[in-house]
Amino acid sequence: MRYGIFSDSHANLDALQTVLREFDRAKVDTLVCIGDTVGYGAQPNDCCDLVRRNARHTILGNHDAAVGGRMDYSYYYDAARQALDHHAGQLSDENMQWLRSLPYTVTEGDTHFCHGSPVDLEQFEYIFTIDQAATCLPIWQRLGQVTFIGHSHLCKAYALGRERVYEVITKKFEIHPEFRYIISVGSVGQPRDHDPRASFTVYDDVERTFEFLRVEYDVAAAAQRIFDDKRLSDSFGARLFAGV
């Protein structure tokens, strides 16, 4: 099966629509969203509607959990917290119930999906360094052949041997059976690797190949929607141009 895997749309409808069109061109068989459909951006309802219609599985992200009343986010910085409060007031009943129903993880065969580190799903810990990936070594036997995560907004891949972790630095690579892989799929709606293009990925579990992909979208339009919404921080729009 060819999986189209994406994460962290963050209410950026312009980016999400563009990525979904790219998945059509890539001829994927099924779509999986690894969370954070809401937060930061200007169109939370539209993005929820689109993900609900198109994704076979959607994982709970930390911003989804916050908006859905499933976690304490009082310690978030002011602008992020205010955006979450704003989105909670905007969502339709159907979309709010959907967020409240999302699972922390989904498993299909030896392919696992979760938003943050698989070590403690409810804590939403980051994995974007070798040391962070190494925290998964004690649960090596319980990991899937490939575990896909989001959360960091970075495109990163790690191959875990039984005692050591290696960073995979190519954009397209084969999955080797002697390793467990943890792959962070980047962000559709708010990349943070100094590349403003939307990030998305394709995994073929028959060919055992994985690929990071990027696509340009109308950043200016997405940013302007944020600027026009006076309850959202202008910084959320400005950072889209720089990919930070």
C-alpha atoms as a PDB file:
ATOM      1  CA  MET A   1       0.000   0.000   0.000  1.00  0.00           C
ATOM      2  CA  ARG A   2       1.145   3.526  -0.751  1.00  0.00           C
ATOM      3  CA  TYR A   3       0.503   5.735   2.261  1.00  0.00           C
ATOM      4  CA  GLY A   4       0.272   9.498   2.016  1.00  0.00           C
ATOM      5  CA  ILE A   5       1.309  10.724   5.461  1.00  0.00           C
ATOM      6  CA  PHE A   6       1.102  14.294   6.701  1.00  0.00           C
ATOM      7  CA  SER A   7       0.985  16.246   9.947  1.00  0.00           C
ATOM      8  CA  ASP A   8       0.670  19.639  11.582  1.00  0.00           C
ATOM      9  CA  SER A   9      -1.639  21.403   9.130  1.00  0.00           C
ATOM     10  CA  HIS A  10      -2.401  23.916  11.884  1.00  0.00           C
ATOM     11  CA  ALA A  11      -5.510  25.467  10.341  1.00  0.00           C
ATOM     12  CA  ASN A  12      -3.612  26.445   7.172  1.00  0.00           C
ATOM     13  CA  LEU A  13      -6.172  25.594   4.513  1.00  0.00           C
ATOM     14  CA  ASP A  14      -4.113  26.903   1.580  1.00  0.00           C
ATOM     15  CA  ALA A  15      -1.251  24.532   2.411  1.00  0.00           C
ATOM     16  CA  LEU A  16      -3.529  21.580   3.173  1.00  0.00           C
ATOM     17  CA  GLN A  17      -5.470  21.843  -0.080  1.00  0.00           C
ATOM     18  CA  THR A  18      -2.220  22.000  -2.040  1.00  0.00           C
ATOM     19  CA  VAL A  19      -0.803  18.924  -0.297  1.00  0.00           C
ATOM     20  CA  LEU A  20      -3.969  16.915  -0.896  1.00  0.00           C
ATOM     21  CA  ARG A  21      -3.743  17.705  -4.607  1.00  0.00           C
ATOM     22  CA  GLU A  22      -0.131  16.472  -4.576  1.00  0.00           C
ATOM     23  CA  PHE A  23      -1.210  13.222  -2.941  1.00  0.00           C
ATOM     24  CA  ASP A  24      -3.643  12.712  -5.819  1.00  0.00           C
ATOM     25  CA  ARG A  25      -0.780  13.166  -8.287  1.00  0.00           C
ATOM     26  CA  ALA A  26       1.361  10.732  -6.293  1.00  0.00           C
ATOM     27  CA  LYS A  27      -1.383   8.091  -6.590  1.00  0.00           C
ATOM     28  CA  VAL A  28      -1.396   7.107  -2.933  1.00  0.00           C
ATOM     29  CA  ASP A  29      -3.844   4.481  -1.737  1.00  0.00           C
ATOM     30  CA  THR A  30      -4.704   5.962   1.640  1.00  0.00           C
ATOM     31  CA  LEU A  31      -4.043   9.075   3.713  1.00  0.00           C
ATOM     32  CA  VAL A  32      -2.968   9.284   7.349  1.00  0.00           C
ATOM     33  CA  CYS A  33      -2.901  12.532   9.324  1.00  0.00           C
ATOM     34  CA  ILE A  34      -0.593  12.504  12.341  1.00  0.00           C
ATOM     35  CA  GLY A  35      -2.309  15.307  14.192  1.00  0.00           C
ATOM     36  CA  ASP A  36      -2.458  19.014  14.943  1.00  0.00           C
ATOM     37  CA  THR A  37      -5.084  19.961  12.407  1.00  0.00           C
ATOM     38  CA  VAL A  38      -5.862  23.008  14.564  1.00  0.00           C
ATOM     39  CA  GLY A  39      -3.809  25.711  16.279  1.00  0.00           C
ATOM     40  CA  TYR A  40      -2.016  28.829  14.952  1.00  0.00           C
ATOM     41  CA  GLY A  41      -3.812  29.292  11.621  1.00  0.00           C
ATOM     42  CA  ALA A  42      -6.982  31.013  10.455  1.00  0.00           C
ATOM     43  CA  GLN A  43      -9.234  28.183   9.196  1.00  0.00           C
ATOM     44  CA  PRO A  44      -9.604  25.426  11.794  1.00  0.00           C
ATOM     45  CA  ASN A  45     -13.100  24.305  10.775  1.00  0.00           C
ATOM     46  CA  ASP A  46     -12.270  24.072   7.087  1.00  0.00           C
ATOM     47  CA  CYS A  47      -9.135  22.056   7.816  1.00  0.00           C
ATOM     48  CA  CYS A  48     -10.975  19.705  10.161  1.00  0.00           C
ATOM     49  CA  ASP A  49     -13.667  19.165   7.537  1.00  0.00           C
ATOM     50  CA  LEU A  50     -11.076  18.406   4.877  1.00  0.00           C
ATOM     51  CA  VAL A  51      -9.058  15.986   7.009  1.00  0.00           C
ATOM     52  CA  ARG A  52     -12.204  14.220   8.189  1.00  0.00           C
ATOM     53  CA  ARG A  53     -13.301  13.677   4.576  1.00  0.00           C
ATOM     54  CA  ASN A  54      -9.967  12.526   3.226  1.00  0.00           C
ATOM     55  CA  ALA A  55      -7.857  10.779   5.867  1.00  0.00           C
ATOM     56  CA  ARG A  56      -8.372   7.121   6.663  1.00  0.00           C
ATOM     57  CA  HIS A  57      -6.790   7.652  10.076  1.00  0.00           C
ATOM     58  CA  THR A  58      -6.174  10.815  12.071  1.00  0.00           C
ATOM     59  CA  ILE A  59      -4.021  10.829  15.197  1.00  0.00           C
ATOM     60  CA  LEU A  60      -4.512  13.132  18.165  1.00  0.00           C
ATOM     61  CA  GLY A  61      -1.968  15.967  18.291  1.00  0.00           C
ATOM     62  CA  ASN A  62      -1.247  18.170  21.296  1.00  0.00           C
ATOM     63  CA  HIS A  63      -3.089  21.162  19.793  1.00  0.00           C
ATOM     64  CA  ASP A  64      -6.035  18.904  18.973  1.00  0.00           C
ATOM     65  CA  ALA A  65      -6.009  17.647  22.568  1.00  0.00           C
ATOM     66  CA  ALA A  66      -5.878  21.203  23.904  1.00  0.00           C
ATOM     67  CA  VAL A  67      -8.754  22.478  21.777  1.00  0.00           C
ATOM     68  CA  GLY A  68     -10.762  19.351  22.555  1.00  0.00           C
ATOM     69  CA  GLY A  69     -10.353  19.800  26.306  1.00  0.00           C
ATOM     70  CA  ARG A  70      -8.199  16.685  26.684  1.00  0.00           C
ATOM     71  CA  MET A  71      -5.083  18.310  28.163  1.00  0.00           C
ATOM     72  CA  ASP A  72      -3.966  21.250  30.267  1.00  0.00           C
ATOM     73  CA  TYR A  73      -2.352  23.919  28.100  1.00  0.00           C
ATOM     74  CA  SER A  74      -2.213  26.727  30.654  1.00  0.00           C
ATOM     75  CA  TYR A  75       1.604  26.638  30.475  1.00  0.00           C
ATOM     76  CA  TYR A  76       1.679  27.390  26.711  1.00  0.00           C
ATOM     77  CA  TYR A  77       2.937  30.828  25.772  1.00  0.00           C
ATOM     78  CA  ASP A  78       0.268  33.513  25.522  1.00  0.00           C
ATOM     79  CA  ALA A  79      -0.180  33.722  21.736  1.00  0.00           C
ATOM     80  CA  ALA A  80      -0.435  29.939  21.300  1.00  0.00           C
ATOM     81  CA  ARG A  81      -2.869  29.628  24.199  1.00  0.00           C
ATOM     82  CA  GLN A  82      -5.039  32.435  22.859  1.00  0.00           C
ATOM     83  CA  ALA A  83      -5.140  30.784  19.418  1.00  0.00           C
ATOM     84  CA  LEU A  84      -6.271  27.516  20.988  1.00  0.00           C
ATOM     85  CA  ASP A  85      -9.007  29.292  22.950  1.00  0.00           C
ATOM     86  CA  HIS A  86     -10.073  31.058  19.748  1.00  0.00           C
ATOM     87  CA  HIS A  87     -10.233  27.811  17.791  1.00  0.00           C
ATOM     88  CA  ALA A  88     -12.190  26.083  20.545  1.00  0.00           C
ATOM     89  CA  GLY A  89     -14.818  28.801  20.193  1.00  0.00           C
ATOM     90  CA  GLN A  90     -14.923  28.483  16.408  1.00  0.00           C
ATOM     91  CA  LEU A  91     -15.239  24.746  15.885  1.00  0.00           C
ATOM     92  CA  SER A  92     -18.527  23.175  14.907  1.00  0.00           C
ATOM     93  CA  ASP A  93     -20.009  20.599  17.273  1.00  0.00           C
ATOM     94  CA  GLU A  94     -19.114  17.866  14.796  1.00  0.00           C
ATOM     95  CA  ASN A  95     -15.487  18.899  14.580  1.00  0.00           C
ATOM     96  CA  MET A  96     -15.180  19.295  18.338  1.00  0.00           C
ATOM     97  CA  GLN A  97     -16.559  15.800  18.891  1.00  0.00           C
ATOM     98  CA  TRP A  98     -14.174  14.490  16.249  1.00  0.00           C
ATOM     99  CA  LEU A  99     -11.153  15.985  18.041  1.00  0.00           C
ATOM    100  CA  ARG A 100     -12.353  14.491  21.300  1.00  0.00           C
ATOM    101  CA  SER A 101     -12.565  11.033  19.705  1.00  0.00           C
ATOM    102  CA  LEU A 102      -9.114  10.906  18.073  1.00  0.00           C
ATOM    103  CA  PRO A 103      -6.718   8.134  19.173  1.00  0.00           C
ATOM    104  CA  TYR A 104      -3.186   8.658  20.462  1.00  0.00           C
ATOM    105  CA  THR A 105      -1.878   5.975  18.133  1.00  0.00           C
ATOM    106  CA  VAL A 106      -2.890   3.730  15.236  1.00  0.00           C
ATOM    107  CA  THR A 107      -1.160   0.521  14.156  1.00  0.00           C
ATOM    108  CA  GLU A 108      -1.426  -1.163  10.770  1.00  0.00           C
ATOM    109  CA  GLY A 109       0.702  -4.297  10.702  1.00  0.00           C
ATOM    110  CA  ASP A 110       4.272  -3.231  11.460  1.00  0.00           C
ATOM    111  CA  THR A 111       3.560   0.442  10.691  1.00  0.00           C
ATOM    112  CA  HIS A 112       2.774   2.690  13.650  1.00  0.00           C
ATOM    113  CA  PHE A 113       1.497   6.271  13.751  1.00  0.00           C
ATOM    114  CA  CYS A 114       1.578   8.701  16.690  1.00  0.00           C
ATOM    115  CA  HIS A 115       2.050  12.448  17.120  1.00  0.00           C
ATOM    116  CA  GLY A 116       5.056  12.626  19.445  1.00  0.00           C
ATOM    117  CA  SER A 117       7.446  10.111  20.925  1.00  0.00           C
ATOM    118  CA  PRO A 118       6.017   6.579  21.215  1.00  0.00           C
ATOM    119  CA  VAL A 119       7.612   6.192  24.665  1.00  0.00           C
ATOM    120  CA  ASP A 120       4.791   8.037  26.465  1.00  0.00           C
ATOM    121  CA  LEU A 121       2.052   8.977  24.047  1.00  0.00           C
ATOM    122  CA  GLU A 122       0.151  11.377  26.297  1.00  0.00           C
ATOM    123  CA  GLN A 123       3.217  13.517  27.023  1.00  0.00           C
ATOM    124  CA  PHE A 124       3.805  14.513  23.374  1.00  0.00           C
ATOM    125  CA  GLU A 125       7.600  14.505  23.724  1.00  0.00           C
ATOM    126  CA  TYR A 126       9.669  15.683  20.766  1.00  0.00           C
ATOM    127  CA  ILE A 127      11.997  13.592  18.638  1.00  0.00           C
ATOM    128  CA  PHE A 128      14.244  15.647  16.366  1.00  0.00           C
ATOM    129  CA  THR A 129      17.734  14.678  17.573  1.00  0.00           C
ATOM    130  CA  ILE A 130      19.636  11.412  17.839  1.00  0.00           C
ATOM    131  CA  ASP A 131      19.591  11.650  21.627  1.00  0.00           C
ATOM    132  CA  GLN A 132      15.815  12.034  21.638  1.00  0.00           C
ATOM    133  CA  ALA A 133      15.454   9.084  19.255  1.00  0.00           C
ATOM    134  CA  ALA A 134      17.687   7.037  21.561  1.00  0.00           C
ATOM    135  CA  THR A 135      15.077   7.282  24.315  1.00  0.00           C
ATOM    136  CA  CYS A 136      13.133   4.747  22.239  1.00  0.00           C
ATOM    137  CA  LEU A 137      15.851   2.076  22.431  1.00  0.00           C
ATOM    138  CA  PRO A 138      14.426   0.519  25.633  1.00  0.00           C
ATOM    139  CA  ILE A 139      11.150  -0.145  23.788  1.00  0.00           C
ATOM    140  CA  TRP A 140      12.855  -1.341  20.579  1.00  0.00           C
ATOM    141  CA  GLN A 141      10.988  -4.649  20.594  1.00  0.00           C
ATOM    142  CA  ARG A 142       7.623  -2.883  20.828  1.00  0.00           C
ATOM    143  CA  LEU A 143       8.274  -0.420  18.021  1.00  0.00           C
ATOM    144  CA  GLY A 144       6.856  -0.974  14.577  1.00  0.00           C
ATOM    145  CA  GLN A 145       9.177  -1.494  11.647  1.00  0.00           C
ATOM    146  CA  VAL A 146       8.381   2.148  10.956  1.00  0.00           C
ATOM    147  CA  THR A 147       6.875   4.647  13.410  1.00  0.00           C
ATOM    148  CA  PHE A 148       5.683   7.887  11.858  1.00  0.00           C
ATOM    149  CA  ILE A 149       5.473  10.982  14.040  1.00  0.00           C
ATOM    150  CA  GLY A 150       4.874  14.712  13.706  1.00  0.00           C
ATOM    151  CA  HIS A 151       4.998  17.439  16.373  1.00  0.00           C
ATOM    152  CA  SER A 152       8.464  18.916  15.714  1.00  0.00           C
ATOM    153  CA  HIS A 153       7.516  20.386  12.298  1.00  0.00           C
ATOM    154  CA  LEU A 154      10.875  19.050  11.048  1.00  0.00           C
ATOM    155  CA  CYS A 155      11.677  16.412   8.433  1.00  0.00           C
ATOM    156  CA  LYS A 156      13.862  13.910  10.271  1.00  0.00           C
ATOM    157  CA  ALA A 157      14.452  10.161  10.048  1.00  0.00           C
ATOM    158  CA  TYR A 158      16.286   7.787  12.388  1.00  0.00           C
ATOM    159  CA  ALA A 159      17.254   4.133  12.026  1.00  0.00           C
ATOM    160  CA  LEU A 160      17.398   2.382  15.383  1.00  0.00           C
ATOM    161  CA  GLY A 161      19.591  -0.645  15.830  1.00  0.00           C
ATOM    162  CA  ARG A 162      19.280  -2.600  19.046  1.00  0.00           C
ATOM    163  CA  GLU A 163      21.975  -0.515  20.722  1.00  0.00           C
ATOM    164  CA  ARG A 164      22.609   2.538  18.533  1.00  0.00           C
ATOM    165  CA  VAL A 165      20.704   5.190  16.569  1.00  0.00           C
ATOM    166  CA  TYR A 166      21.681   6.496  13.140  1.00  0.00           C
ATOM    167  CA  GLU A 167      20.293   9.592  11.444  1.00  0.00           C
ATOM    168  CA  VAL A 168      19.075   9.010   7.881  1.00  0.00           C
ATOM    169  CA  ILE A 169      19.959  12.102   5.869  1.00  0.00           C
ATOM    170  CA  THR A 170      18.551  11.321   2.414  1.00  0.00           C
ATOM    171  CA  LYS A 171      15.124  12.429   1.202  1.00  0.00           C
ATOM    172  CA  LYS A 172      14.254   9.001  -0.199  1.00  0.00           C
ATOM    173  CA  PHE A 173      15.451   5.700   1.221  1.00  0.00           C
ATOM    174  CA  GLU A 174      14.697   2.003   1.664  1.00  0.00           C
ATOM    175  CA  ILE A 175      13.497   0.460   4.907  1.00  0.00           C
ATOM    176  CA  HIS A 176      15.895  -2.289   6.051  1.00  0.00           C
ATOM    177  CA  PRO A 177      14.522  -5.112   8.230  1.00  0.00           C
ATOM    178  CA  GLU A 178      17.347  -5.065  10.800  1.00  0.00           C
ATOM    179  CA  PHE A 179      16.364  -1.566  11.966  1.00  0.00           C
ATOM    180  CA  ARG A 180      13.363   0.124  13.489  1.00  0.00           C
ATOM    181  CA  TYR A 181      12.674   3.540  11.987  1.00  0.00           C
ATOM    182  CA  ILE A 182      11.257   6.693  13.523  1.00  0.00           C
ATOM    183  CA  ILE A 183      10.321   9.242  10.878  1.00  0.00           C
ATOM    184  CA  SER A 184       9.168  12.776  11.613  1.00  0.00           C
ATOM    185  CA  VAL A 185       7.139  13.875   8.599  1.00  0.00           C
ATOM    186  CA  GLY A 186       7.427  17.663   8.907  1.00  0.00           C
ATOM    187  CA  SER A 187       4.567  20.133   8.762  1.00  0.00           C
ATOM    188  CA  VAL A 188       1.973  20.942   6.136  1.00  0.00           C
ATOM    189  CA  GLY A 189       0.950  24.286   7.557  1.00  0.00           C
ATOM    190  CA  GLN A 190       3.856  25.632   9.580  1.00  0.00           C
ATOM    191  CA  PRO A 191       7.298  24.224   8.597  1.00  0.00           C
ATOM    192  CA  ARG A 192      10.170  25.100  10.926  1.00  0.00           C
ATOM    193  CA  ASP A 193      13.222  24.088   8.904  1.00  0.00           C
ATOM    194  CA  HIS A 194      13.655  27.442   7.100  1.00  0.00           C
ATOM    195  CA  ASP A 195      11.828  26.078   4.058  1.00  0.00           C
ATOM    196  CA  PRO A 196       8.346  27.625   3.722  1.00  0.00           C
ATOM    197  CA  ARG A 197       7.077  24.929   1.366  1.00  0.00           C
ATOM    198  CA  ALA A 198       4.504  22.493   2.749  1.00  0.00           C
ATOM    199  CA  SER A 199       5.900  19.114   3.762  1.00  0.00           C
ATOM    200  CA  PHE A 200       4.293  15.732   3.067  1.00  0.00           C
ATOM    201  CA  THR A 201       5.511  12.149   2.687  1.00  0.00           C
ATOM    202  CA  VAL A 202       4.846   8.900   0.862  1.00  0.00           C
ATOM    203  CA  TYR A 203       5.556   5.420   2.247  1.00  0.00           C
ATOM    204  CA  ASP A 204       5.202   2.243   0.190  1.00  0.00           C
ATOM    205  CA  ASP A 205       5.001  -0.726   2.571  1.00  0.00           C
ATOM    206  CA  VAL A 206       5.380  -3.238  -0.284  1.00  0.00           C
ATOM    207  CA  GLU A 207       8.412  -1.663  -1.946  1.00  0.00           C
ATOM    208  CA  ARG A 208       9.631  -0.624   1.540  1.00  0.00           C
ATOM    209  CA  THR A 209      10.520   2.866   0.372  1.00  0.00           C
ATOM    210  CA  PHE A 210       9.909   6.231   1.987  1.00  0.00           C
ATOM    211  CA  GLU A 211      10.168   9.751   0.572  1.00  0.00           C
ATOM    212  CA  PHE A 212      10.055  13.300   1.952  1.00  0.00           C
ATOM    213  CA  LEU A 213       8.328  15.715  -0.436  1.00  0.00           C
ATOM    214  CA  ARG A 214       7.744  19.486  -0.510  1.00  0.00           C
ATOM    215  CA  VAL A 215       5.400  21.704  -2.460  1.00  0.00           C
ATOM    216  CA  GLU A 216       4.982  25.467  -2.806  1.00  0.00           C
ATOM    217  CA  TYR A 217       1.635  26.973  -1.875  1.00  0.00           C
ATOM    218  CA  ASP A 218       0.220  30.498  -1.553  1.00  0.00           C
ATOM    219  CA  VAL A 219       2.020  31.529   1.634  1.00  0.00           C
ATOM    220  CA  ALA A 220       0.963  35.156   1.254  1.00  0.00           C
ATOM    221  CA  ALA A 221      -2.727  34.225   1.184  1.00  0.00           C
ATOM    222  CA  ALA A 222      -2.417  31.984   4.245  1.00  0.00           C
ATOM    223  CA  ALA A 223      -0.509  34.676   6.142  1.00  0.00           C
ATOM    224  CA  GLN A 224      -3.035  37.364   5.208  1.00  0.00           C
ATOM    225  CA  ARG A 225      -5.877  35.294   6.646  1.00  0.00           C
ATOM    226  CA  ILE A 226      -4.004  35.269   9.957  1.00  0.00           C
ATOM    227  CA  PHE A 227      -3.295  39.004   9.807  1.00  0.00           C
ATOM    228  CA  ASP A 228      -6.993  39.642   9.161  1.00  0.00           C
ATOM    229  CA  ASP A 229      -8.043  37.659  12.252  1.00  0.00           C
ATOM    230  CA  LYS A 230      -7.354  40.048  15.135  1.00  0.00           C
ATOM    231  CA  ARG A 231      -7.495  37.246  17.699  1.00  0.00           C
ATOM    232  CA  LEU A 232      -4.439  35.545  16.181  1.00  0.00           C
ATOM    233  CA  SER A 233      -0.880  36.778  16.614  1.00  0.00           C
ATOM    234  CA  ASP A 234       0.631  38.346  13.493  1.00  0.00           C
ATOM    235  CA  SER A 235       3.770  36.316  14.252  1.00  0.00           C
ATOM    236  CA  PHE A 236       1.952  33.155  13.144  1.00  0.00           C
ATOM    237  CA  GLY A 237       1.542  34.660   9.686  1.00  0.00           C
ATOM    238  CA  ALA A 238       4.989  36.221   9.482  1.00  0.00           C
ATOM    239  CA  ARG A 239       6.786  32.992  10.300  1.00  0.00           C
ATOM    240  CA  LEU A 240       5.168  31.240   7.311  1.00  0.00           C
ATOM    241  CA  PHE A 241       7.282  33.286   4.926  1.00  0.00           C
ATOM    242  CA  ALA A 242      10.532  32.143   6.542  1.00  0.00           C
ATOM    243  CA  GLY A 243       9.527  28.596   7.429  1.00  0.00           C
ATOM    244  CA  VAL A 244      10.358  28.961  11.107  1.00  0.00           C
END
